[in-house]
């Protein structure tokens, strides 16, 4: 009996330790020192706010180097070891500075709202340009805000947000544009009907016959002014890649 009791308490103790370890995992781990102390507090507050709102873990981890590990696989490992287990799901944004990689890993619960296609595309659209500019606090705040938007949509609609959900305003714009063109056309017709001066289509119509005589003409080349500007492709640098599997969603790339 004593052995059974001892075993029971040992199991409970180990379980409680694992819970404490899970709860103690900070949602911001800035090993690459991209943020000062004040910025770390602000980003942590935003991550905690979104995480607590949905009962999930929304985390950011920065590293100087991933060593010989692939960034996507490493992000999945970090999610599993530090953040998996929250009822509402878990996701982590991993930044590796030596190779300038970003990668977002999601568990299957978070993956339902933050899909590998639209969800990760929106993350890339909102954070990569900020990462490229070195605005890391802004990038991490955008990451949390985008997660909030996608999770909120999922909870309200029972499905993940898709591209067509972002263009709900297109019919309204078309309708307003059509009304504007109709108004402009009607006004032009009314003005024209009230005027006894008819608009001419050519400047020649305004020249009185015999009042102008062109005696000589010549084309003179002055100079060519060429401006060259590098246009960066949307998303920063490099193509997207994914380490998604049966237990993880996500994707990443370069910045």
C-alpha atoms as a PDB file:
ATOM      1  CA  UNK A   1       0.000   0.000   0.000  1.00  0.00           C
ATOM      2  CA  UNK A   2       2.815   2.379   0.902  1.00  0.00           C
ATOM      3  CA  UNK A   3       4.501   1.689  -2.446  1.00  0.00           C
ATOM      4  CA  UNK A   4       1.277   2.451  -4.325  1.00  0.00           C
ATOM      5  CA  UNK A   5       0.823   5.701  -2.385  1.00  0.00           C
ATOM      6  CA  UNK A   6       4.428   6.703  -3.038  1.00  0.00           C
ATOM      7  CA  UNK A   7       4.053   5.920  -6.733  1.00  0.00           C
ATOM      8  CA  UNK A   8       0.816   7.914  -6.906  1.00  0.00           C
ATOM      9  CA  UNK A   9       2.361  11.009  -5.344  1.00  0.00           C
ATOM     10  CA  UNK A  10       5.433  10.662  -7.557  1.00  0.00           C
ATOM     11  CA  UNK A  11       3.275  10.651 -10.680  1.00  0.00           C
ATOM     12  CA  UNK A  12       1.317  13.660  -9.399  1.00  0.00           C
ATOM     13  CA  UNK A  13       4.539  15.508  -8.636  1.00  0.00           C
ATOM     14  CA  UNK A  14       5.934  14.872 -12.111  1.00  0.00           C
ATOM     15  CA  UNK A  15       2.628  15.973 -13.650  1.00  0.00           C
ATOM     16  CA  UNK A  16       2.620  19.196 -11.642  1.00  0.00           C
ATOM     17  CA  UNK A  17       6.222  19.860 -12.615  1.00  0.00           C
ATOM     18  CA  UNK A  18       5.340  19.469 -16.282  1.00  0.00           C
ATOM     19  CA  UNK A  19       2.432  21.873 -15.865  1.00  0.00           C
ATOM     20  CA  UNK A  20       4.663  24.391 -14.138  1.00  0.00           C
ATOM     21  CA  UNK A  21       7.252  24.053 -16.870  1.00  0.00           C
ATOM     22  CA  UNK A  22       4.588  24.587 -19.529  1.00  0.00           C
ATOM     23  CA  UNK A  23       3.098  27.600 -17.771  1.00  0.00           C
ATOM     24  CA  UNK A  24       6.520  29.149 -17.260  1.00  0.00           C
ATOM     25  CA  UNK A  25       7.401  29.147 -20.977  1.00  0.00           C
ATOM     26  CA  UNK A  26       7.553  32.855 -21.900  1.00  0.00           C
ATOM     27  CA  UNK A  27       5.731  33.842 -25.050  1.00  0.00           C
ATOM     28  CA  UNK A  28       8.654  36.014 -26.108  1.00  0.00           C
ATOM     29  CA  UNK A  29      12.166  34.576 -26.116  1.00  0.00           C
ATOM     30  CA  UNK A  30      14.555  37.097 -27.664  1.00  0.00           C
ATOM     31  CA  UNK A  31      17.851  35.209 -27.788  1.00  0.00           C
ATOM     32  CA  UNK A  32      19.039  37.347 -30.724  1.00  0.00           C
ATOM     33  CA  UNK A  33      18.570  40.545 -28.674  1.00  0.00           C
ATOM     34  CA  UNK A  34      16.497  42.284 -31.317  1.00  0.00           C
ATOM     35  CA  UNK A  35      14.478  44.253 -28.755  1.00  0.00           C
ATOM     36  CA  UNK A  36      15.452  46.412 -25.816  1.00  0.00           C
ATOM     37  CA  UNK A  37      13.880  45.812 -22.402  1.00  0.00           C
ATOM     38  CA  UNK A  38      10.992  48.238 -22.942  1.00  0.00           C
ATOM     39  CA  UNK A  39      10.118  46.784 -26.347  1.00  0.00           C
ATOM     40  CA  UNK A  40      10.252  43.260 -24.916  1.00  0.00           C
ATOM     41  CA  UNK A  41       7.683  44.216 -22.283  1.00  0.00           C
ATOM     42  CA  UNK A  42       5.379  45.771 -24.854  1.00  0.00           C
ATOM     43  CA  UNK A  43       5.580  42.808 -27.231  1.00  0.00           C
ATOM     44  CA  UNK A  44       5.097  40.325 -24.379  1.00  0.00           C
ATOM     45  CA  UNK A  45       1.993  42.222 -23.252  1.00  0.00           C
ATOM     46  CA  UNK A  46       0.498  42.030 -26.757  1.00  0.00           C
ATOM     47  CA  UNK A  47       1.309  38.320 -27.115  1.00  0.00           C
ATOM     48  CA  UNK A  48      -0.180  37.583 -23.682  1.00  0.00           C
ATOM     49  CA  UNK A  49      -3.308  39.584 -24.462  1.00  0.00           C
ATOM     50  CA  UNK A  50      -4.037  37.711 -27.702  1.00  0.00           C
ATOM     51  CA  UNK A  51      -3.069  34.355 -26.173  1.00  0.00           C
ATOM     52  CA  UNK A  52      -5.321  34.795 -23.142  1.00  0.00           C
ATOM     53  CA  UNK A  53      -8.198  36.058 -25.294  1.00  0.00           C
ATOM     54  CA  UNK A  54      -8.369  32.756 -27.193  1.00  0.00           C
ATOM     55  CA  UNK A  55      -6.935  30.370 -24.593  1.00  0.00           C
ATOM     56  CA  UNK A  56      -3.926  29.656 -26.768  1.00  0.00           C
ATOM     57  CA  UNK A  57      -0.202  30.318 -26.998  1.00  0.00           C
ATOM     58  CA  UNK A  58       0.939  32.928 -29.515  1.00  0.00           C
ATOM     59  CA  UNK A  59       4.723  33.065 -29.173  1.00  0.00           C
ATOM     60  CA  UNK A  60       7.819  34.634 -30.722  1.00  0.00           C
ATOM     61  CA  UNK A  61      11.329  33.170 -30.510  1.00  0.00           C
ATOM     62  CA  UNK A  62      14.420  34.834 -31.983  1.00  0.00           C
ATOM     63  CA  UNK A  63      17.773  33.100 -32.385  1.00  0.00           C
ATOM     64  CA  UNK A  64      21.183  34.132 -33.662  1.00  0.00           C
ATOM     65  CA  UNK A  65      21.668  30.815 -35.456  1.00  0.00           C
ATOM     66  CA  UNK A  66      19.848  27.536 -36.025  1.00  0.00           C
ATOM     67  CA  UNK A  67      23.096  25.590 -36.297  1.00  0.00           C
ATOM     68  CA  UNK A  68      22.743  22.708 -38.707  1.00  0.00           C
ATOM     69  CA  UNK A  69      18.981  22.379 -38.193  1.00  0.00           C
ATOM     70  CA  UNK A  70      16.388  23.333 -40.765  1.00  0.00           C
ATOM     71  CA  UNK A  71      14.465  26.362 -39.559  1.00  0.00           C
ATOM     72  CA  UNK A  72      11.009  24.900 -40.194  1.00  0.00           C
ATOM     73  CA  UNK A  73      11.780  21.689 -38.308  1.00  0.00           C
ATOM     74  CA  UNK A  74      13.334  23.680 -35.484  1.00  0.00           C
ATOM     75  CA  UNK A  75      10.215  25.847 -35.197  1.00  0.00           C
ATOM     76  CA  UNK A  76       8.077  22.703 -34.946  1.00  0.00           C
ATOM     77  CA  UNK A  77      10.333  21.362 -32.184  1.00  0.00           C
ATOM     78  CA  UNK A  78      10.135  24.625 -30.238  1.00  0.00           C
ATOM     79  CA  UNK A  79       6.352  24.617 -30.508  1.00  0.00           C
ATOM     80  CA  UNK A  80       6.152  21.021 -29.264  1.00  0.00           C
ATOM     81  CA  UNK A  81       8.554  21.474 -26.349  1.00  0.00           C
ATOM     82  CA  UNK A  82       7.471  24.897 -25.085  1.00  0.00           C
ATOM     83  CA  UNK A  83       4.000  25.844 -26.257  1.00  0.00           C
ATOM     84  CA  UNK A  84       1.902  22.830 -27.249  1.00  0.00           C
ATOM     85  CA  UNK A  85      -0.978  21.908 -24.959  1.00  0.00           C
ATOM     86  CA  UNK A  86      -3.086  25.059 -24.756  1.00  0.00           C
ATOM     87  CA  UNK A  87      -6.765  24.347 -25.383  1.00  0.00           C
ATOM     88  CA  UNK A  88      -7.080  27.022 -28.038  1.00  0.00           C
ATOM     89  CA  UNK A  89      -3.959  25.887 -29.883  1.00  0.00           C
ATOM     90  CA  UNK A  90      -0.411  27.140 -30.247  1.00  0.00           C
ATOM     91  CA  UNK A  91       1.726  28.960 -32.770  1.00  0.00           C
ATOM     92  CA  UNK A  92       5.261  30.303 -32.752  1.00  0.00           C
ATOM     93  CA  UNK A  93       7.109  32.758 -34.970  1.00  0.00           C
ATOM     94  CA  UNK A  94      10.786  31.812 -35.176  1.00  0.00           C
ATOM     95  CA  UNK A  95      13.345  34.364 -36.387  1.00  0.00           C
ATOM     96  CA  UNK A  96      16.893  33.192 -37.239  1.00  0.00           C
ATOM     97  CA  UNK A  97      19.210  36.128 -37.856  1.00  0.00           C
ATOM     98  CA  UNK A  98      22.266  34.344 -39.294  1.00  0.00           C
ATOM     99  CA  UNK A  99      20.258  33.228 -42.331  1.00  0.00           C
ATOM    100  CA  UNK A 100      17.508  35.873 -42.070  1.00  0.00           C
ATOM    101  CA  UNK A 101      14.786  33.254 -41.924  1.00  0.00           C
ATOM    102  CA  UNK A 102      11.299  33.625 -40.541  1.00  0.00           C
ATOM    103  CA  UNK A 103       9.021  30.673 -39.913  1.00  0.00           C
ATOM    104  CA  UNK A 104       5.598  30.285 -38.302  1.00  0.00           C
ATOM    105  CA  UNK A 105       4.682  26.881 -36.898  1.00  0.00           C
ATOM    106  CA  UNK A 106       1.129  26.043 -35.807  1.00  0.00           C
ATOM    107  CA  UNK A 107      -0.349  23.024 -34.102  1.00  0.00           C
ATOM    108  CA  UNK A 108      -3.423  21.425 -35.651  1.00  0.00           C
ATOM    109  CA  UNK A 109      -5.828  23.407 -33.460  1.00  0.00           C
ATOM    110  CA  UNK A 110      -4.443  26.809 -34.450  1.00  0.00           C
ATOM    111  CA  UNK A 111      -4.058  25.520 -37.996  1.00  0.00           C
ATOM    112  CA  UNK A 112      -7.842  25.417 -38.402  1.00  0.00           C
ATOM    113  CA  UNK A 113      -7.992  29.213 -38.119  1.00  0.00           C
ATOM    114  CA  UNK A 114      -4.526  30.124 -39.397  1.00  0.00           C
ATOM    115  CA  UNK A 115      -4.337  28.012 -42.512  1.00  0.00           C
ATOM    116  CA  UNK A 116      -1.165  27.086 -44.361  1.00  0.00           C
ATOM    117  CA  UNK A 117      -2.403  29.002 -47.403  1.00  0.00           C
ATOM    118  CA  UNK A 118      -4.313  32.177 -46.574  1.00  0.00           C
ATOM    119  CA  UNK A 119      -3.299  32.423 -42.913  1.00  0.00           C
ATOM    120  CA  UNK A 120       0.440  32.206 -43.490  1.00  0.00           C
ATOM    121  CA  UNK A 121       0.121  34.410 -46.590  1.00  0.00           C
ATOM    122  CA  UNK A 122      -1.471  37.134 -44.455  1.00  0.00           C
ATOM    123  CA  UNK A 123       1.262  36.775 -41.865  1.00  0.00           C
ATOM    124  CA  UNK A 124       3.905  37.123 -44.575  1.00  0.00           C
ATOM    125  CA  UNK A 125       2.151  40.148 -46.049  1.00  0.00           C
ATOM    126  CA  UNK A 126       1.992  41.912 -42.682  1.00  0.00           C
ATOM    127  CA  UNK A 127       5.337  41.099 -41.060  1.00  0.00           C
ATOM    128  CA  UNK A 128       8.052  40.456 -43.648  1.00  0.00           C
ATOM    129  CA  UNK A 129       8.385  44.043 -44.845  1.00  0.00           C
ATOM    130  CA  UNK A 130       8.788  45.171 -41.225  1.00  0.00           C
ATOM    131  CA  UNK A 131      11.393  42.473 -40.570  1.00  0.00           C
ATOM    132  CA  UNK A 132      13.293  43.546 -43.681  1.00  0.00           C
ATOM    133  CA  UNK A 133      13.382  47.127 -42.393  1.00  0.00           C
ATOM    134  CA  UNK A 134      14.613  46.021 -38.975  1.00  0.00           C
ATOM    135  CA  UNK A 135      11.372  47.097 -37.306  1.00  0.00           C
ATOM    136  CA  UNK A 136      11.150  43.989 -35.164  1.00  0.00           C
ATOM    137  CA  UNK A 137       8.765  45.308 -32.534  1.00  0.00           C
ATOM    138  CA  UNK A 138       6.335  46.378 -35.273  1.00  0.00           C
ATOM    139  CA  UNK A 139       6.689  42.987 -36.988  1.00  0.00           C
ATOM    140  CA  UNK A 140       5.958  41.052 -33.788  1.00  0.00           C
ATOM    141  CA  UNK A 141       3.008  43.301 -32.971  1.00  0.00           C
ATOM    142  CA  UNK A 142       1.623  42.795 -36.494  1.00  0.00           C
ATOM    143  CA  UNK A 143       2.072  39.048 -36.058  1.00  0.00           C
ATOM    144  CA  UNK A 144      -0.014  39.076 -32.879  1.00  0.00           C
ATOM    145  CA  UNK A 145      -2.602  41.385 -34.437  1.00  0.00           C
ATOM    146  CA  UNK A 146      -2.970  39.187 -37.508  1.00  0.00           C
ATOM    147  CA  UNK A 147      -3.404  36.129 -35.293  1.00  0.00           C
ATOM    148  CA  UNK A 148      -6.116  38.032 -33.408  1.00  0.00           C
ATOM    149  CA  UNK A 149      -7.924  38.900 -36.651  1.00  0.00           C
ATOM    150  CA  UNK A 150      -7.801  35.352 -38.003  1.00  0.00           C
ATOM    151  CA  UNK A 151      -8.839  33.756 -34.703  1.00  0.00           C
ATOM    152  CA  UNK A 152     -11.701  36.221 -34.253  1.00  0.00           C
ATOM    153  CA  UNK A 153     -13.021  35.474 -37.744  1.00  0.00           C
ATOM    154  CA  UNK A 154     -12.801  31.734 -37.103  1.00  0.00           C
ATOM    155  CA  UNK A 155     -14.729  31.976 -33.836  1.00  0.00           C
ATOM    156  CA  UNK A 156     -17.473  34.133 -35.369  1.00  0.00           C
ATOM    157  CA  UNK A 157     -17.892  32.188 -38.616  1.00  0.00           C
ATOM    158  CA  UNK A 158     -16.863  28.642 -37.759  1.00  0.00           C
ATOM    159  CA  UNK A 159     -14.361  28.566 -40.613  1.00  0.00           C
ATOM    160  CA  UNK A 160     -11.014  30.060 -41.536  1.00  0.00           C
ATOM    161  CA  UNK A 161     -10.791  33.394 -43.317  1.00  0.00           C
ATOM    162  CA  UNK A 162     -10.144  33.161 -47.074  1.00  0.00           C
ATOM    163  CA  UNK A 163      -9.168  35.598 -49.823  1.00  0.00           C
ATOM    164  CA  UNK A 164     -12.753  36.347 -50.877  1.00  0.00           C
ATOM    165  CA  UNK A 165     -13.554  37.488 -47.334  1.00  0.00           C
ATOM    166  CA  UNK A 166     -11.191  40.419 -47.839  1.00  0.00           C
ATOM    167  CA  UNK A 167     -12.913  41.778 -50.968  1.00  0.00           C
ATOM    168  CA  UNK A 168     -16.442  42.138 -49.568  1.00  0.00           C
ATOM    169  CA  UNK A 169     -16.192  45.842 -50.405  1.00  0.00           C
ATOM    170  CA  UNK A 170     -15.571  45.297 -54.139  1.00  0.00           C
ATOM    171  CA  UNK A 171     -19.267  45.308 -55.224  1.00  0.00           C
ATOM    172  CA  UNK A 172     -19.772  48.495 -53.199  1.00  0.00           C
ATOM    173  CA  UNK A 173     -16.828  50.185 -54.916  1.00  0.00           C
ATOM    174  CA  UNK A 174     -18.137  49.125 -58.341  1.00  0.00           C
ATOM    175  CA  UNK A 175     -21.610  50.457 -57.509  1.00  0.00           C
ATOM    176  CA  UNK A 176     -20.243  53.772 -56.267  1.00  0.00           C
ATOM    177  CA  UNK A 177     -17.995  54.067 -59.314  1.00  0.00           C
ATOM    178  CA  UNK A 178     -20.920  53.414 -61.652  1.00  0.00           C
ATOM    179  CA  UNK A 179     -23.049  56.012 -59.873  1.00  0.00           C
ATOM    180  CA  UNK A 180     -20.199  58.520 -60.127  1.00  0.00           C
ATOM    181  CA  UNK A 181     -19.815  57.968 -63.873  1.00  0.00           C
ATOM    182  CA  UNK A 182     -23.559  58.295 -64.388  1.00  0.00           C
ATOM    183  CA  UNK A 183     -23.629  61.565 -62.429  1.00  0.00           C
ATOM    184  CA  UNK A 184     -20.665  62.944 -64.378  1.00  0.00           C
ATOM    185  CA  UNK A 185     -22.240  62.035 -67.715  1.00  0.00           C
ATOM    186  CA  UNK A 186     -25.581  63.580 -66.769  1.00  0.00           C
ATOM    187  CA  UNK A 187     -23.925  66.800 -65.584  1.00  0.00           C
ATOM    188  CA  UNK A 188     -21.882  67.070 -68.785  1.00  0.00           C
ATOM    189  CA  UNK A 189     -25.003  66.611 -70.892  1.00  0.00           C
ATOM    190  CA  UNK A 190     -26.898  69.277 -68.949  1.00  0.00           C
ATOM    191  CA  UNK A 191     -24.028  71.775 -69.226  1.00  0.00           C
ATOM    192  CA  UNK A 192     -23.719  71.097 -72.939  1.00  0.00           C
ATOM    193  CA  UNK A 193     -27.439  71.529 -73.537  1.00  0.00           C
ATOM    194  CA  UNK A 194     -27.454  74.944 -71.825  1.00  0.00           C
ATOM    195  CA  UNK A 195     -24.478  76.381 -73.724  1.00  0.00           C
ATOM    196  CA  UNK A 196     -24.509  77.821 -77.252  1.00  0.00           C
ATOM    197  CA  UNK A 197     -20.750  77.295 -77.537  1.00  0.00           C
ATOM    198  CA  UNK A 198     -19.850  73.860 -78.774  1.00  0.00           C
ATOM    199  CA  UNK A 199     -16.679  72.207 -77.528  1.00  0.00           C
ATOM    200  CA  UNK A 200     -14.234  71.350 -80.306  1.00  0.00           C
ATOM    201  CA  UNK A 201     -12.229  68.153 -80.472  1.00  0.00           C
ATOM    202  CA  UNK A 202      -9.183  69.697 -82.178  1.00  0.00           C
ATOM    203  CA  UNK A 203      -7.127  72.828 -81.459  1.00  0.00           C
ATOM    204  CA  UNK A 204      -7.148  73.625 -85.201  1.00  0.00           C
ATOM    205  CA  UNK A 205     -10.817  74.500 -84.933  1.00  0.00           C
ATOM    206  CA  UNK A 206      -9.970  77.537 -82.827  1.00  0.00           C
ATOM    207  CA  UNK A 207      -7.555  79.039 -85.426  1.00  0.00           C
ATOM    208  CA  UNK A 208      -9.068  81.539 -87.837  1.00  0.00           C
ATOM    209  CA  UNK A 209      -8.364  80.712 -91.460  1.00  0.00           C
ATOM    210  CA  UNK A 210      -5.470  82.779 -92.827  1.00  0.00           C
ATOM    211  CA  UNK A 211      -4.391  84.087 -89.421  1.00  0.00           C
ATOM    212  CA  UNK A 212      -1.519  81.626 -88.984  1.00  0.00           C
ATOM    213  CA  UNK A 213       1.185  80.655 -91.451  1.00  0.00           C
ATOM    214  CA  UNK A 214       3.855  78.090 -90.536  1.00  0.00           C
ATOM    215  CA  UNK A 215       6.992  78.782 -92.597  1.00  0.00           C
ATOM    216  CA  UNK A 216       9.482  76.362 -91.057  1.00  0.00           C
ATOM    217  CA  UNK A 217       9.545  73.372 -88.681  1.00  0.00           C
ATOM    218  CA  UNK A 218      12.246  71.220 -87.153  1.00  0.00           C
ATOM    219  CA  UNK A 219      12.606  68.519 -84.479  1.00  0.00           C
ATOM    220  CA  UNK A 220      15.390  69.173 -81.956  1.00  0.00           C
ATOM    221  CA  UNK A 221      16.564  66.361 -79.646  1.00  0.00           C
ATOM    222  CA  UNK A 222      17.366  67.743 -76.218  1.00  0.00           C
ATOM    223  CA  UNK A 223      18.251  64.873 -73.829  1.00  0.00           C
ATOM    224  CA  UNK A 224      17.010  61.697 -72.231  1.00  0.00           C
ATOM    225  CA  UNK A 225      16.663  61.499 -68.464  1.00  0.00           C
ATOM    226  CA  UNK A 226      16.709  57.894 -67.230  1.00  0.00           C
ATOM    227  CA  UNK A 227      15.903  56.936 -63.644  1.00  0.00           C
ATOM    228  CA  UNK A 228      16.571  53.339 -62.567  1.00  0.00           C
ATOM    229  CA  UNK A 229      14.832  52.009 -59.480  1.00  0.00           C
ATOM    230  CA  UNK A 230      15.043  48.519 -58.010  1.00  0.00           C
ATOM    231  CA  UNK A 231      11.578  47.161 -57.314  1.00  0.00           C
ATOM    232  CA  UNK A 232      11.610  44.484 -54.633  1.00  0.00           C
ATOM    233  CA  UNK A 233       9.146  41.671 -54.937  1.00  0.00           C
ATOM    234  CA  UNK A 234       6.371  41.602 -52.392  1.00  0.00           C
ATOM    235  CA  UNK A 235       7.323  39.499 -49.374  1.00  0.00           C
ATOM    236  CA  UNK A 236      10.992  40.372 -49.117  1.00  0.00           C
ATOM    237  CA  UNK A 237      13.574  37.881 -50.203  1.00  0.00           C
ATOM    238  CA  UNK A 238      13.361  34.303 -51.280  1.00  0.00           C
ATOM    239  CA  UNK A 239      10.541  31.862 -51.842  1.00  0.00           C
ATOM    240  CA  UNK A 240       8.261  30.332 -49.275  1.00  0.00           C
ATOM    241  CA  UNK A 241       8.959  26.930 -47.804  1.00  0.00           C
ATOM    242  CA  UNK A 242       7.123  24.683 -45.386  1.00  0.00           C
ATOM    243  CA  UNK A 243       7.859  21.978 -42.834  1.00  0.00           C
ATOM    244  CA  UNK A 244       4.168  21.187 -42.360  1.00  0.00           C
ATOM    245  CA  UNK A 245       3.261  17.612 -41.477  1.00  0.00           C
ATOM    246  CA  UNK A 246       0.410  15.708 -39.843  1.00  0.00           C
ATOM    247  CA  UNK A 247       1.032  17.478 -36.507  1.00  0.00           C
ATOM    248  CA  UNK A 248       2.101  20.931 -37.673  1.00  0.00           C
ATOM    249  CA  UNK A 249       1.031  23.617 -40.087  1.00  0.00           C
ATOM    250  CA  UNK A 250       2.863  26.744 -41.111  1.00  0.00           C
ATOM    251  CA  UNK A 251       5.396  28.167 -43.505  1.00  0.00           C
ATOM    252  CA  UNK A 252       8.242  30.616 -43.793  1.00  0.00           C
ATOM    253  CA  UNK A 253      10.867  32.255 -45.944  1.00  0.00           C
ATOM    254  CA  UNK A 254      13.597  34.895 -46.004  1.00  0.00           C
ATOM    255  CA  UNK A 255      13.537  38.571 -45.097  1.00  0.00           C
END
